[in-house]
Amino acid sequence: MTDNWSVAGSYSFAMRDTGNLNRYPVNMLYIQSSHDVCDGVECDFIWRFTDTIESAGVTSYNELDVRFSYQLTDHCELSLVGRDLLDAAHPEDSSISTVLNQVSQVQRGVFGMLRLNY
């Protein structure tokens, strides 16, 4: 978008008329916005939508992740990250990446990170 702001996204659509696709969401949408706020300060927002997964009993959901970071030195970055901020908890299905059809409650989380590059 600009030198200090970038936007990326993706969309996937699964047709359920063929095979056993009711274990996948029909629609998934992902949008990421990254900002270089000022010298050494970055801010990222990631919003995602996942459609209903009928076979797992998972309803559609929207979620938001946010990251603020500050480059302390050329080799050290301090970050604060918030994950799944829109709901206290929501079910997600892991059957897309595993053989087992497992549903788990994903909870909101916040953590700090110190990254050292050498």
PDB file of N, CA and C in Angstrom:
ATOM      1  N   MET A   1       0.822  -1.182   0.000  1.00  0.00           N
ATOM      2  CA  MET A   1       0.000   0.000   0.000  1.00  0.00           C
ATOM      3  C   MET A   1       0.876   1.259   0.000  1.00  0.00           C
ATOM      4  N   THR A   2       1.803   1.334   0.977  1.00  0.00           N
ATOM      5  CA  THR A   2       2.771   2.428   1.033  1.00  0.00           C
ATOM      6  C   THR A   2       4.103   1.841   1.449  1.00  0.00           C
ATOM      7  N   ASP A   3       5.128   2.690   1.586  1.00  0.00           N
ATOM      8  CA  ASP A   3       6.430   2.210   2.041  1.00  0.00           C
ATOM      9  C   ASP A   3       6.371   1.690   3.471  1.00  0.00           C
ATOM     10  N   ASN A   4       5.436   2.206   4.280  1.00  0.00           N
ATOM     11  CA  ASN A   4       5.348   1.836   5.693  1.00  0.00           C
ATOM     12  C   ASN A   4       4.176   0.918   6.018  1.00  0.00           C
ATOM     13  N   TRP A   5       3.394   0.529   5.004  1.00  0.00           N
ATOM     14  CA  TRP A   5       2.194  -0.266   5.266  1.00  0.00           C
ATOM     15  C   TRP A   5       2.021  -1.304   4.168  1.00  0.00           C
ATOM     16  N   SER A   6       1.907  -2.556   4.580  1.00  0.00           N
ATOM     17  CA  SER A   6       1.661  -3.619   3.612  1.00  0.00           C
ATOM     18  C   SER A   6       0.447  -4.435   4.040  1.00  0.00           C
ATOM     19  N   VAL A   7      -0.263  -4.931   3.046  1.00  0.00           N
ATOM     20  CA  VAL A   7      -1.453  -5.739   3.279  1.00  0.00           C
ATOM     21  C   VAL A   7      -1.326  -7.003   2.441  1.00  0.00           C
ATOM     22  N   ALA A   8      -1.647  -8.154   3.063  1.00  0.00           N
ATOM     23  CA  ALA A   8      -1.635  -9.431   2.354  1.00  0.00           C
ATOM     24  C   ALA A   8      -2.888 -10.194   2.754  1.00  0.00           C
ATOM     25  N   GLY A   9      -3.309 -11.091   1.908  1.00  0.00           N
ATOM     26  CA  GLY A   9      -4.491 -11.855   2.237  1.00  0.00           C
ATOM     27  C   GLY A   9      -4.613 -13.102   1.401  1.00  0.00           C
ATOM     28  N   SER A  10      -5.551 -13.947   1.807  1.00  0.00           N
ATOM     29  CA  SER A  10      -5.827 -15.153   1.038  1.00  0.00           C
ATOM     30  C   SER A  10      -7.278 -15.558   1.270  1.00  0.00           C
ATOM     31  N   TYR A  11      -7.814 -16.285   0.302  1.00  0.00           N
ATOM     32  CA  TYR A  11      -9.171 -16.804   0.388  1.00  0.00           C
ATOM     33  C   TYR A  11      -9.162 -18.203  -0.189  1.00  0.00           C
ATOM     34  N   SER A  12      -9.866 -19.120   0.466  1.00  0.00           N
ATOM     35  CA  SER A  12     -10.001 -20.462  -0.098  1.00  0.00           C
ATOM     36  C   SER A  12     -11.471 -20.868  -0.070  1.00  0.00           C
ATOM     37  N   PHE A  13     -11.856 -21.626  -1.073  1.00  0.00           N
ATOM     38  CA  PHE A  13     -13.221 -22.102  -1.224  1.00  0.00           C
ATOM     39  C   PHE A  13     -13.162 -23.594  -1.502  1.00  0.00           C
ATOM     40  N   ALA A  14     -13.858 -24.391  -0.697  1.00  0.00           N
ATOM     41  CA  ALA A  14     -13.890 -25.843  -0.886  1.00  0.00           C
ATOM     42  C   ALA A  14     -15.289 -26.242  -1.348  1.00  0.00           C
ATOM     43  N   MET A  15     -15.359 -26.863  -2.506  1.00  0.00           N
ATOM     44  CA  MET A  15     -16.651 -27.352  -3.002  1.00  0.00           C
ATOM     45  C   MET A  15     -16.952 -28.674  -2.307  1.00  0.00           C
ATOM     46  N   ARG A  16     -18.109 -28.760  -1.687  1.00  0.00           N
ATOM     47  CA  ARG A  16     -18.453 -29.955  -0.915  1.00  0.00           C
ATOM     48  C   ARG A  16     -19.201 -30.985  -1.732  1.00  0.00           C
ATOM     49  N   ASP A  17     -19.375 -30.777  -3.006  1.00  0.00           N
ATOM     50  CA  ASP A  17     -20.128 -31.718  -3.825  1.00  0.00           C
ATOM     51  C   ASP A  17     -19.348 -32.990  -4.132  1.00  0.00           C
ATOM     52  N   THR A  18     -18.044 -32.966  -3.934  1.00  0.00           N
ATOM     53  CA  THR A  18     -17.224 -34.120  -4.262  1.00  0.00           C
ATOM     54  C   THR A  18     -16.493 -34.628  -3.031  1.00  0.00           C
ATOM     55  N   GLY A  19     -16.402 -35.935  -2.902  1.00  0.00           N
ATOM     56  CA  GLY A  19     -15.615 -36.541  -1.823  1.00  0.00           C
ATOM     57  C   GLY A  19     -16.179 -36.276  -0.444  1.00  0.00           C
ATOM     58  N   ASN A  20     -15.303 -36.365   0.541  1.00  0.00           N
ATOM     59  CA  ASN A  20     -15.668 -36.204   1.944  1.00  0.00           C
ATOM     60  C   ASN A  20     -15.229 -34.830   2.434  1.00  0.00           C
ATOM     61  N   LEU A  21     -15.687 -33.777   1.772  1.00  0.00           N
ATOM     62  CA  LEU A  21     -15.223 -32.433   2.095  1.00  0.00           C
ATOM     63  C   LEU A  21     -16.024 -31.755   3.197  1.00  0.00           C
ATOM     64  N   ASN A  22     -17.009 -32.441   3.801  1.00  0.00           N
ATOM     65  CA  ASN A  22     -17.745 -31.802   4.887  1.00  0.00           C
ATOM     66  C   ASN A  22     -16.905 -31.685   6.150  1.00  0.00           C
ATOM     67  N   ARG A  23     -15.698 -32.217   6.146  1.00  0.00           N
ATOM     68  CA  ARG A  23     -14.793 -32.041   7.292  1.00  0.00           C
ATOM     69  C   ARG A  23     -13.898 -30.812   7.127  1.00  0.00           C
ATOM     70  N   TYR A  24     -14.106 -30.063   6.036  1.00  0.00           N
ATOM     71  CA  TYR A  24     -13.363 -28.833   5.784  1.00  0.00           C
ATOM     72  C   TYR A  24     -14.326 -27.651   5.748  1.00  0.00           C
ATOM     73  N   PRO A  25     -13.872 -26.468   6.130  1.00  0.00           N
ATOM     74  CA  PRO A  25     -14.727 -25.284   5.987  1.00  0.00           C
ATOM     75  C   PRO A  25     -14.888 -24.929   4.510  1.00  0.00           C
ATOM     76  N   VAL A  26     -16.077 -24.473   4.130  1.00  0.00           N
ATOM     77  CA  VAL A  26     -16.292 -24.057   2.739  1.00  0.00           C
ATOM     78  C   VAL A  26     -15.473 -22.804   2.432  1.00  0.00           C
ATOM     79  N   ASN A  27     -15.515 -21.826   3.328  1.00  0.00           N
ATOM     80  CA  ASN A  27     -14.827 -20.551   3.111  1.00  0.00           C
ATOM     81  C   ASN A  27     -13.825 -20.286   4.221  1.00  0.00           C
ATOM     82  N   MET A  28     -12.654 -19.836   3.834  1.00  0.00           N
ATOM     83  CA  MET A  28     -11.658 -19.357   4.787  1.00  0.00           C
ATOM     84  C   MET A  28     -11.051 -18.084   4.202  1.00  0.00           C
ATOM     85  N   LEU A  29     -10.918 -17.061   5.058  1.00  0.00           N
ATOM     86  CA  LEU A  29     -10.404 -15.767   4.628  1.00  0.00           C
ATOM     87  C   LEU A  29      -9.367 -15.300   5.636  1.00  0.00           C
ATOM     88  N   TYR A  30      -8.281 -14.718   5.130  1.00  0.00           N
ATOM     89  CA  TYR A  30      -7.159 -14.273   5.957  1.00  0.00           C
ATOM     90  C   TYR A  30      -6.679 -12.934   5.429  1.00  0.00           C
ATOM     91  N   ILE A  31      -6.569 -11.940   6.317  1.00  0.00           N
ATOM     92  CA  ILE A  31      -6.044 -10.631   5.923  1.00  0.00           C
ATOM     93  C   ILE A  31      -5.025 -10.184   6.960  1.00  0.00           C
ATOM     94  N   GLN A  32      -3.852  -9.778   6.503  1.00  0.00           N
ATOM     95  CA  GLN A  32      -2.795  -9.290   7.387  1.00  0.00           C
ATOM     96  C   GLN A  32      -2.417  -7.882   6.977  1.00  0.00           C
ATOM     97  N   SER A  33      -2.341  -7.000   7.973  1.00  0.00           N
ATOM     98  CA  SER A  33      -1.928  -5.620   7.763  1.00  0.00           C
ATOM     99  C   SER A  33      -0.707  -5.364   8.632  1.00  0.00           C
ATOM    100  N   SER A  34       0.393  -4.949   8.019  1.00  0.00           N
ATOM    101  CA  SER A  34       1.642  -4.700   8.739  1.00  0.00           C
ATOM    102  C   SER A  34       2.027  -3.228   8.582  1.00  0.00           C
ATOM    103  N   HIS A  35       2.354  -2.597   9.701  1.00  0.00           N
ATOM    104  CA  HIS A  35       2.674  -1.174   9.716  1.00  0.00           C
ATOM    105  C   HIS A  35       4.041  -0.944  10.351  1.00  0.00           C
ATOM    106  N   ASP A  36       4.876  -0.155   9.704  1.00  0.00           N
ATOM    107  CA  ASP A  36       6.079   0.385  10.333  1.00  0.00           C
ATOM    108  C   ASP A  36       5.662   1.746  10.881  1.00  0.00           C
ATOM    109  N   VAL A  37       5.319   1.786  12.168  1.00  0.00           N
ATOM    110  CA  VAL A  37       4.732   2.977  12.770  1.00  0.00           C
ATOM    111  C   VAL A  37       5.729   4.123  12.796  1.00  0.00           C
ATOM    112  N   CYS A  38       6.899   3.864  13.333  1.00  0.00           N
ATOM    113  CA  CYS A  38       7.981   4.845  13.349  1.00  0.00           C
ATOM    114  C   CYS A  38       9.284   4.072  13.484  1.00  0.00           C
ATOM    115  N   ASP A  39      10.391   4.741  13.619  1.00  0.00           N
ATOM    116  CA  ASP A  39      11.695   4.096  13.654  1.00  0.00           C
ATOM    117  C   ASP A  39      11.749   3.008  14.729  1.00  0.00           C
ATOM    118  N   GLY A  40      11.812   1.750  14.296  1.00  0.00           N
ATOM    119  CA  GLY A  40      11.949   0.622  15.208  1.00  0.00           C
ATOM    120  C   GLY A  40      10.654   0.081  15.776  1.00  0.00           C
ATOM    121  N   VAL A  41       9.509   0.669  15.452  1.00  0.00           N
ATOM    122  CA  VAL A  41       8.220   0.220  15.994  1.00  0.00           C
ATOM    123  C   VAL A  41       7.369  -0.353  14.857  1.00  0.00           C
ATOM    124  N   GLU A  42       6.892  -1.591  15.053  1.00  0.00           N
ATOM    125  CA  GLU A  42       6.036  -2.253  14.074  1.00  0.00           C
ATOM    126  C   GLU A  42       4.731  -2.666  14.735  1.00  0.00           C
ATOM    127  N   CYS A  43       3.670  -2.741  13.932  1.00  0.00           N
ATOM    128  CA  CYS A  43       2.363  -3.179  14.412  1.00  0.00           C
ATOM    129  C   CYS A  43       1.730  -4.041  13.320  1.00  0.00           C
ATOM    130  N   ASP A  44       1.315  -5.256  13.677  1.00  0.00           N
ATOM    131  CA  ASP A  44       0.690  -6.178  12.734  1.00  0.00           C
ATOM    132  C   ASP A  44      -0.686  -6.569  13.243  1.00  0.00           C
ATOM    133  N   PHE A  45      -1.642  -6.649  12.313  1.00  0.00           N
ATOM    134  CA  PHE A  45      -2.981  -7.127  12.614  1.00  0.00           C
ATOM    135  C   PHE A  45      -3.293  -8.269  11.662  1.00  0.00           C
ATOM    136  N   ILE A  46      -3.797  -9.370  12.197  1.00  0.00           N
ATOM    137  CA  ILE A  46      -4.203 -10.501  11.370  1.00  0.00           C
ATOM    138  C   ILE A  46      -5.641 -10.840  11.730  1.00  0.00           C
ATOM    139  N   TRP A  47      -6.537 -10.742  10.737  1.00  0.00           N
ATOM    140  CA  TRP A  47      -7.926 -11.132  10.918  1.00  0.00           C
ATOM    141  C   TRP A  47      -8.175 -12.360  10.065  1.00  0.00           C
ATOM    142  N   ARG A  48      -8.926 -13.318  10.619  1.00  0.00           N
ATOM    143  CA  ARG A  48      -9.231 -14.515   9.850  1.00  0.00           C
ATOM    144  C   ARG A  48     -10.661 -14.973  10.121  1.00  0.00           C
ATOM    145  N   PHE A  49     -11.265 -15.504   9.084  1.00  0.00           N
ATOM    146  CA  PHE A  49     -12.608 -16.070   9.156  1.00  0.00           C
ATOM    147  C   PHE A  49     -12.520 -17.517   8.724  1.00  0.00           C
ATOM    148  N   THR A  50     -13.139 -18.392   9.493  1.00  0.00           N
ATOM    149  CA  THR A  50     -13.225 -19.806   9.139  1.00  0.00           C
ATOM    150  C   THR A  50     -14.694 -20.199   9.186  1.00  0.00           C
ATOM    151  N   ASP A  51     -15.172 -20.817   8.123  1.00  0.00           N
ATOM    152  CA  ASP A  51     -16.562 -21.214   8.002  1.00  0.00           C
ATOM    153  C   ASP A  51     -16.852 -22.440   8.876  1.00  0.00           C
ATOM    154  N   THR A  52     -18.110 -22.791   8.972  1.00  0.00           N
ATOM    155  CA  THR A  52     -18.561 -23.943   9.744  1.00  0.00           C
ATOM    156  C   THR A  52     -17.918 -25.225   9.235  1.00  0.00           C
ATOM    157  N   ILE A  53     -17.545 -26.110  10.162  1.00  0.00           N
ATOM    158  CA  ILE A  53     -17.051 -27.446   9.812  1.00  0.00           C
ATOM    159  C   ILE A  53     -18.092 -28.424  10.335  1.00  0.00           C
ATOM    160  N   GLU A  54     -18.983 -28.834   9.449  1.00  0.00           N
ATOM    161  CA  GLU A  54     -20.159 -29.600   9.853  1.00  0.00           C
ATOM    162  C   GLU A  54     -19.822 -30.904  10.556  1.00  0.00           C
ATOM    163  N   SER A  55     -18.906 -31.673  10.019  1.00  0.00           N
ATOM    164  CA  SER A  55     -18.628 -32.992  10.586  1.00  0.00           C
ATOM    165  C   SER A  55     -18.033 -32.911  11.986  1.00  0.00           C
ATOM    166  N   ALA A  56     -17.397 -31.785  12.321  1.00  0.00           N
ATOM    167  CA  ALA A  56     -16.784 -31.638  13.635  1.00  0.00           C
ATOM    168  C   ALA A  56     -17.675 -30.857  14.597  1.00  0.00           C
ATOM    169  N   GLY A  57     -18.778 -30.301  14.098  1.00  0.00           N
ATOM    170  CA  GLY A  57     -19.645 -29.507  14.943  1.00  0.00           C
ATOM    171  C   GLY A  57     -19.049 -28.161  15.321  1.00  0.00           C
ATOM    172  N   VAL A  58     -18.148 -27.646  14.490  1.00  0.00           N
ATOM    173  CA  VAL A  58     -17.493 -26.360  14.753  1.00  0.00           C
ATOM    174  C   VAL A  58     -18.226 -25.278  13.974  1.00  0.00           C
ATOM    175  N   THR A  59     -18.720 -24.251  14.677  1.00  0.00           N
ATOM    176  CA  THR A  59     -19.404 -23.146  14.014  1.00  0.00           C
ATOM    177  C   THR A  59     -18.376 -22.169  13.447  1.00  0.00           C
ATOM    178  N   SER A  60     -18.812 -21.344  12.523  1.00  0.00           N
ATOM    179  CA  SER A  60     -17.911 -20.362  11.918  1.00  0.00           C
ATOM    180  C   SER A  60     -17.434 -19.373  12.980  1.00  0.00           C
ATOM    181  N   TYR A  61     -16.257 -18.810  12.751  1.00  0.00           N
ATOM    182  CA  TYR A  61     -15.716 -17.842  13.707  1.00  0.00           C
ATOM    183  C   TYR A  61     -14.821 -16.833  13.007  1.00  0.00           C
ATOM    184  N   ASN A  62     -14.707 -15.663  13.631  1.00  0.00           N
ATOM    185  CA  ASN A  62     -13.773 -14.603  13.253  1.00  0.00           C
ATOM    186  C   ASN A  62     -12.772 -14.480  14.384  1.00  0.00           C
ATOM    187  N   GLU A  63     -11.528 -14.221  14.059  1.00  0.00           N
ATOM    188  CA  GLU A  63     -10.517 -14.007  15.101  1.00  0.00           C
ATOM    189  C   GLU A  63      -9.544 -12.930  14.673  1.00  0.00           C
ATOM    190  N   LEU A  64      -8.879 -12.365  15.658  1.00  0.00           N
ATOM    191  CA  LEU A  64      -7.932 -11.281  15.434  1.00  0.00           C
ATOM    192  C   LEU A  64      -6.682 -11.512  16.263  1.00  0.00           C
ATOM    193  N   ASP A  65      -5.530 -11.385  15.625  1.00  0.00           N
ATOM    194  CA  ASP A  65      -4.234 -11.420  16.301  1.00  0.00           C
ATOM    195  C   ASP A  65      -3.578 -10.055  16.106  1.00  0.00           C
ATOM    196  N   VAL A  66      -2.881  -9.578  17.126  1.00  0.00           N
ATOM    197  CA  VAL A  66      -2.207  -8.286  17.065  1.00  0.00           C
ATOM    198  C   VAL A  66      -0.794  -8.444  17.613  1.00  0.00           C
ATOM    199  N   ARG A  67       0.181  -7.790  16.961  1.00  0.00           N
ATOM    200  CA  ARG A  67       1.574  -7.811  17.437  1.00  0.00           C
ATOM    201  C   ARG A  67       2.131  -6.401  17.394  1.00  0.00           C
ATOM    202  N   PHE A  68       2.692  -5.984  18.517  1.00  0.00           N
ATOM    203  CA  PHE A  68       3.444  -4.729  18.601  1.00  0.00           C
ATOM    204  C   PHE A  68       4.887  -5.091  18.890  1.00  0.00           C
ATOM    205  N   SER A  69       5.825  -4.504  18.164  1.00  0.00           N
ATOM    206  CA  SER A  69       7.227  -4.808  18.419  1.00  0.00           C
ATOM    207  C   SER A  69       8.060  -3.534  18.403  1.00  0.00           C
ATOM    208  N   TYR A  70       9.151  -3.605  19.157  1.00  0.00           N
ATOM    209  CA  TYR A  70      10.101  -2.492  19.208  1.00  0.00           C
ATOM    210  C   TYR A  70      11.495  -3.064  19.044  1.00  0.00           C
ATOM    211  N   GLN A  71      12.233  -2.542  18.080  1.00  0.00           N
ATOM    212  CA  GLN A  71      13.598  -2.972  17.812  1.00  0.00           C
ATOM    213  C   GLN A  71      14.513  -2.224  18.772  1.00  0.00           C
ATOM    214  N   LEU A  72      14.934  -2.906  19.855  1.00  0.00           N
ATOM    215  CA  LEU A  72      15.776  -2.278  20.870  1.00  0.00           C
ATOM    216  C   LEU A  72      17.157  -1.944  20.323  1.00  0.00           C
ATOM    217  N   THR A  73      17.750  -2.912  19.622  1.00  0.00           N
ATOM    218  CA  THR A  73      19.046  -2.736  18.969  1.00  0.00           C
ATOM    219  C   THR A  73      18.974  -3.450  17.622  1.00  0.00           C
ATOM    220  N   ASP A  74      20.076  -3.462  16.887  1.00  0.00           N
ATOM    221  CA  ASP A  74      20.110  -4.185  15.612  1.00  0.00           C
ATOM    222  C   ASP A  74      19.883  -5.686  15.803  1.00  0.00           C
ATOM    223  N   HIS A  75      20.168  -6.193  17.000  1.00  0.00           N
ATOM    224  CA  HIS A  75      20.100  -7.634  17.253  1.00  0.00           C
ATOM    225  C   HIS A  75      19.057  -8.026  18.291  1.00  0.00           C
ATOM    226  N   CYS A  76      18.236  -7.098  18.748  1.00  0.00           N
ATOM    227  CA  CYS A  76      17.303  -7.400  19.837  1.00  0.00           C
ATOM    228  C   CYS A  76      15.949  -6.727  19.578  1.00  0.00           C
ATOM    229  N   GLU A  77      14.885  -7.552  19.613  1.00  0.00           N
ATOM    230  CA  GLU A  77      13.527  -7.051  19.413  1.00  0.00           C
ATOM    231  C   GLU A  77      12.640  -7.483  20.571  1.00  0.00           C
ATOM    232  N   LEU A  78      11.801  -6.588  21.043  1.00  0.00           N
ATOM    233  CA  LEU A  78      10.851  -6.851  22.112  1.00  0.00           C
ATOM    234  C   LEU A  78       9.451  -6.764  21.516  1.00  0.00           C
ATOM    235  N   SER A  79       8.605  -7.798  21.759  1.00  0.00           N
ATOM    236  CA  SER A  79       7.266  -7.840  21.169  1.00  0.00           C
ATOM    237  C   SER A  79       6.213  -8.163  22.214  1.00  0.00           C
ATOM    238  N   LEU A  80       5.010  -7.667  21.976  1.00  0.00           N
ATOM    239  CA  LEU A  80       3.827  -8.021  22.736  1.00  0.00           C
ATOM    240  C   LEU A  80       2.806  -8.523  21.727  1.00  0.00           C
ATOM    241  N   VAL A  81       2.276  -9.745  21.961  1.00  0.00           N
ATOM    242  CA  VAL A  81       1.397 -10.401  20.995  1.00  0.00           C
ATOM    243  C   VAL A  81       0.095 -10.798  21.684  1.00  0.00           C
ATOM    244  N   GLY A  82      -1.009 -10.523  21.023  1.00  0.00           N
ATOM    245  CA  GLY A  82      -2.320 -10.992  21.472  1.00  0.00           C
ATOM    246  C   GLY A  82      -2.896 -11.911  20.416  1.00  0.00           C
ATOM    247  N   ARG A  83      -3.330 -13.106  20.828  1.00  0.00           N
ATOM    248  CA  ARG A  83      -3.868 -14.107  19.897  1.00  0.00           C
ATOM    249  C   ARG A  83      -5.333 -14.385  20.202  1.00  0.00           C
ATOM    250  N   ASP A  84      -6.123 -14.579  19.165  1.00  0.00           N
ATOM    251  CA  ASP A  84      -7.539 -14.950  19.303  1.00  0.00           C
ATOM    252  C   ASP A  84      -8.272 -13.985  20.224  1.00  0.00           C
ATOM    253  N   LEU A  85      -8.199 -12.695  19.929  1.00  0.00           N
ATOM    254  CA  LEU A  85      -8.671 -11.652  20.829  1.00  0.00           C
ATOM    255  C   LEU A  85     -10.176 -11.401  20.784  1.00  0.00           C
ATOM    256  N   LEU A  86     -10.893 -11.867  19.789  1.00  0.00           N
ATOM    257  CA  LEU A  86     -12.306 -11.526  19.658  1.00  0.00           C
ATOM    258  C   LEU A  86     -13.234 -12.350  20.537  1.00  0.00           C
ATOM    259  N   ASP A  87     -12.823 -13.539  20.932  1.00  0.00           N
ATOM    260  CA  ASP A  87     -13.627 -14.401  21.803  1.00  0.00           C
ATOM    261  C   ASP A  87     -12.768 -14.905  22.943  1.00  0.00           C
ATOM    262  N   ALA A  88     -13.402 -15.137  24.107  1.00  0.00           N
ATOM    263  CA  ALA A  88     -12.666 -15.721  25.232  1.00  0.00           C
ATOM    264  C   ALA A  88     -12.180 -17.117  24.867  1.00  0.00           C
ATOM    265  N   ALA A  89     -12.971 -17.855  24.074  1.00  0.00           N
ATOM    266  CA  ALA A  89     -12.591 -19.184  23.587  1.00  0.00           C
ATOM    267  C   ALA A  89     -13.509 -19.544  22.422  1.00  0.00           C
ATOM    268  N   HIS A  90     -13.017 -20.364  21.524  1.00  0.00           N
ATOM    269  CA  HIS A  90     -13.829 -20.874  20.423  1.00  0.00           C
ATOM    270  C   HIS A  90     -13.294 -22.236  20.004  1.00  0.00           C
ATOM    271  N   PRO A  91     -14.163 -23.118  19.477  1.00  0.00           N
ATOM    272  CA  PRO A  91     -13.691 -24.441  19.035  1.00  0.00           C
ATOM    273  C   PRO A  91     -13.012 -24.354  17.675  1.00  0.00           C
ATOM    274  N   GLU A  92     -11.935 -25.108  17.523  1.00  0.00           N
ATOM    275  CA  GLU A  92     -11.263 -25.268  16.233  1.00  0.00           C
ATOM    276  C   GLU A  92     -11.052 -26.745  15.994  1.00  0.00           C
ATOM    277  N   ASP A  93     -11.093 -27.140  14.737  1.00  0.00           N
ATOM    278  CA  ASP A  93     -10.914 -28.537  14.344  1.00  0.00           C
ATOM    279  C   ASP A  93      -9.513 -28.715  13.793  1.00  0.00           C
ATOM    280  N   SER A  94      -8.820 -29.734  14.260  1.00  0.00           N
ATOM    281  CA  SER A  94      -7.453 -29.975  13.781  1.00  0.00           C
ATOM    282  C   SER A  94      -7.408 -31.050  12.712  1.00  0.00           C
ATOM    283  N   SER A  95      -8.553 -31.503  12.216  1.00  0.00           N
ATOM    284  CA  SER A  95      -8.547 -32.599  11.247  1.00  0.00           C
ATOM    285  C   SER A  95      -7.969 -32.196   9.900  1.00  0.00           C
ATOM    286  N   ILE A  96      -7.841 -30.904   9.644  1.00  0.00           N
ATOM    287  CA  ILE A  96      -7.262 -30.473   8.377  1.00  0.00           C
ATOM    288  C   ILE A  96      -5.799 -30.894   8.291  1.00  0.00           C
ATOM    289  N   SER A  97      -5.096 -30.854   9.415  1.00  0.00           N
ATOM    290  CA  SER A  97      -3.674 -31.160   9.390  1.00  0.00           C
ATOM    291  C   SER A  97      -3.328 -32.510  10.007  1.00  0.00           C
ATOM    292  N   THR A  98      -4.306 -33.231  10.553  1.00  0.00           N
ATOM    293  CA  THR A  98      -4.021 -34.519  11.170  1.00  0.00           C
ATOM    294  C   THR A  98      -5.022 -35.556  10.695  1.00  0.00           C
ATOM    295  N   VAL A  99      -4.723 -36.809  10.957  1.00  0.00           N
ATOM    296  CA  VAL A  99      -5.621 -37.901  10.603  1.00  0.00           C
ATOM    297  C   VAL A  99      -6.799 -37.943  11.560  1.00  0.00           C
ATOM    298  N   LEU A 100      -6.568 -37.676  12.828  1.00  0.00           N
ATOM    299  CA  LEU A 100      -7.620 -37.719  13.835  1.00  0.00           C
ATOM    300  C   LEU A 100      -8.497 -36.485  13.759  1.00  0.00           C
ATOM    301  N   ASN A 101      -9.776 -36.672  13.958  1.00  0.00           N
ATOM    302  CA  ASN A 101     -10.730 -35.569  13.956  1.00  0.00           C
ATOM    303  C   ASN A 101     -10.854 -35.046  15.382  1.00  0.00           C
ATOM    304  N   GLN A 102     -10.059 -34.055  15.742  1.00  0.00           N
ATOM    305  CA  GLN A 102     -10.019 -33.543  17.104  1.00  0.00           C
ATOM    306  C   GLN A 102     -10.466 -32.093  17.134  1.00  0.00           C
ATOM    307  N   VAL A 103     -11.387 -31.794  18.047  1.00  0.00           N
ATOM    308  CA  VAL A 103     -11.837 -30.422  18.247  1.00  0.00           C
ATOM    309  C   VAL A 103     -11.304 -29.961  19.593  1.00  0.00           C
ATOM    310  N   SER A 104     -10.730 -28.774  19.623  1.00  0.00           N
ATOM    311  CA  SER A 104     -10.221 -28.243  20.888  1.00  0.00           C
ATOM    312  C   SER A 104     -10.688 -26.807  21.056  1.00  0.00           C
ATOM    313  N   GLN A 105     -10.789 -26.365  22.297  1.00  0.00           N
ATOM    314  CA  GLN A 105     -11.158 -24.997  22.609  1.00  0.00           C
ATOM    315  C   GLN A 105      -9.892 -24.144  22.602  1.00  0.00           C
ATOM    316  N   VAL A 106      -9.846 -23.180  21.715  1.00  0.00           N
ATOM    317  CA  VAL A 106      -8.710 -22.273  21.634  1.00  0.00           C
ATOM    318  C   VAL A 106      -9.067 -21.030  22.432  1.00  0.00           C
ATOM    319  N   GLN A 107      -8.232 -20.680  23.390  1.00  0.00           N
ATOM    320  CA  GLN A 107      -8.511 -19.547  24.264  1.00  0.00           C
ATOM    321  C   GLN A 107      -7.692 -18.333  23.856  1.00  0.00           C
ATOM    322  N   ARG A 108      -8.213 -17.180  24.237  1.00  0.00           N
ATOM    323  CA  ARG A 108      -7.523 -15.914  24.027  1.00  0.00           C
ATOM    324  C   ARG A 108      -6.191 -15.960  24.771  1.00  0.00           C
ATOM    325  N   GLY A 109      -5.166 -15.358  24.212  1.00  0.00           N
ATOM    326  CA  GLY A 109      -3.864 -15.360  24.869  1.00  0.00           C
ATOM    327  C   GLY A 109      -3.061 -14.107  24.560  1.00  0.00           C
ATOM    328  N   VAL A 110      -2.239 -13.730  25.513  1.00  0.00           N
ATOM    329  CA  VAL A 110      -1.329 -12.590  25.354  1.00  0.00           C
ATOM    330  C   VAL A 110       0.031 -13.037  25.867  1.00  0.00           C
ATOM    331  N   PHE A 111       1.089 -12.711  25.126  1.00  0.00           N
ATOM    332  CA  PHE A 111       2.430 -13.069  25.586  1.00  0.00           C
ATOM    333  C   PHE A 111       3.439 -12.042  25.090  1.00  0.00           C
ATOM    334  N   GLY A 112       4.552 -11.996  25.760  1.00  0.00           N
ATOM    335  CA  GLY A 112       5.658 -11.159  25.362  1.00  0.00           C
ATOM    336  C   GLY A 112       6.775 -12.013  24.811  1.00  0.00           C
ATOM    337  N   MET A 113       7.611 -11.410  23.973  1.00  0.00           N
ATOM    338  CA  MET A 113       8.685 -12.162  23.344  1.00  0.00           C
ATOM    339  C   MET A 113       9.920 -11.252  23.228  1.00  0.00           C
ATOM    340  N   LEU A 114      11.054 -11.820  23.514  1.00  0.00           N
ATOM    341  CA  LEU A 114      12.339 -11.154  23.321  1.00  0.00           C
ATOM    342  C   LEU A 114      13.095 -11.978  22.297  1.00  0.00           C
ATOM    343  N   ARG A 115      13.431 -11.378  21.146  1.00  0.00           N
ATOM    344  CA  ARG A 115      14.128 -12.106  20.085  1.00  0.00           C
ATOM    345  C   ARG A 115      15.529 -11.531  19.930  1.00  0.00           C
ATOM    346  N   LEU A 116      16.502 -12.418  19.982  1.00  0.00           N
ATOM    347  CA  LEU A 116      17.909 -12.037  19.791  1.00  0.00           C
ATOM    348  C   LEU A 116      18.399 -12.621  18.479  1.00  0.00           C
ATOM    349  N   ASN A 117      18.926 -11.802  17.612  1.00  0.00           N
ATOM    350  CA  ASN A 117      19.499 -12.228  16.333  1.00  0.00           C
ATOM    351  C   ASN A 117      21.013 -12.086  16.404  1.00  0.00           C
ATOM    352  N   TYR A 118      21.705 -13.085  15.962  1.00  0.00           N
ATOM    353  CA  TYR A 118      23.164 -13.000  15.949  1.00  0.00           C
ATOM    354  C   TYR A 118      23.715 -13.559  14.673  1.00  0.00           C
TER     355      TYR A 118
END
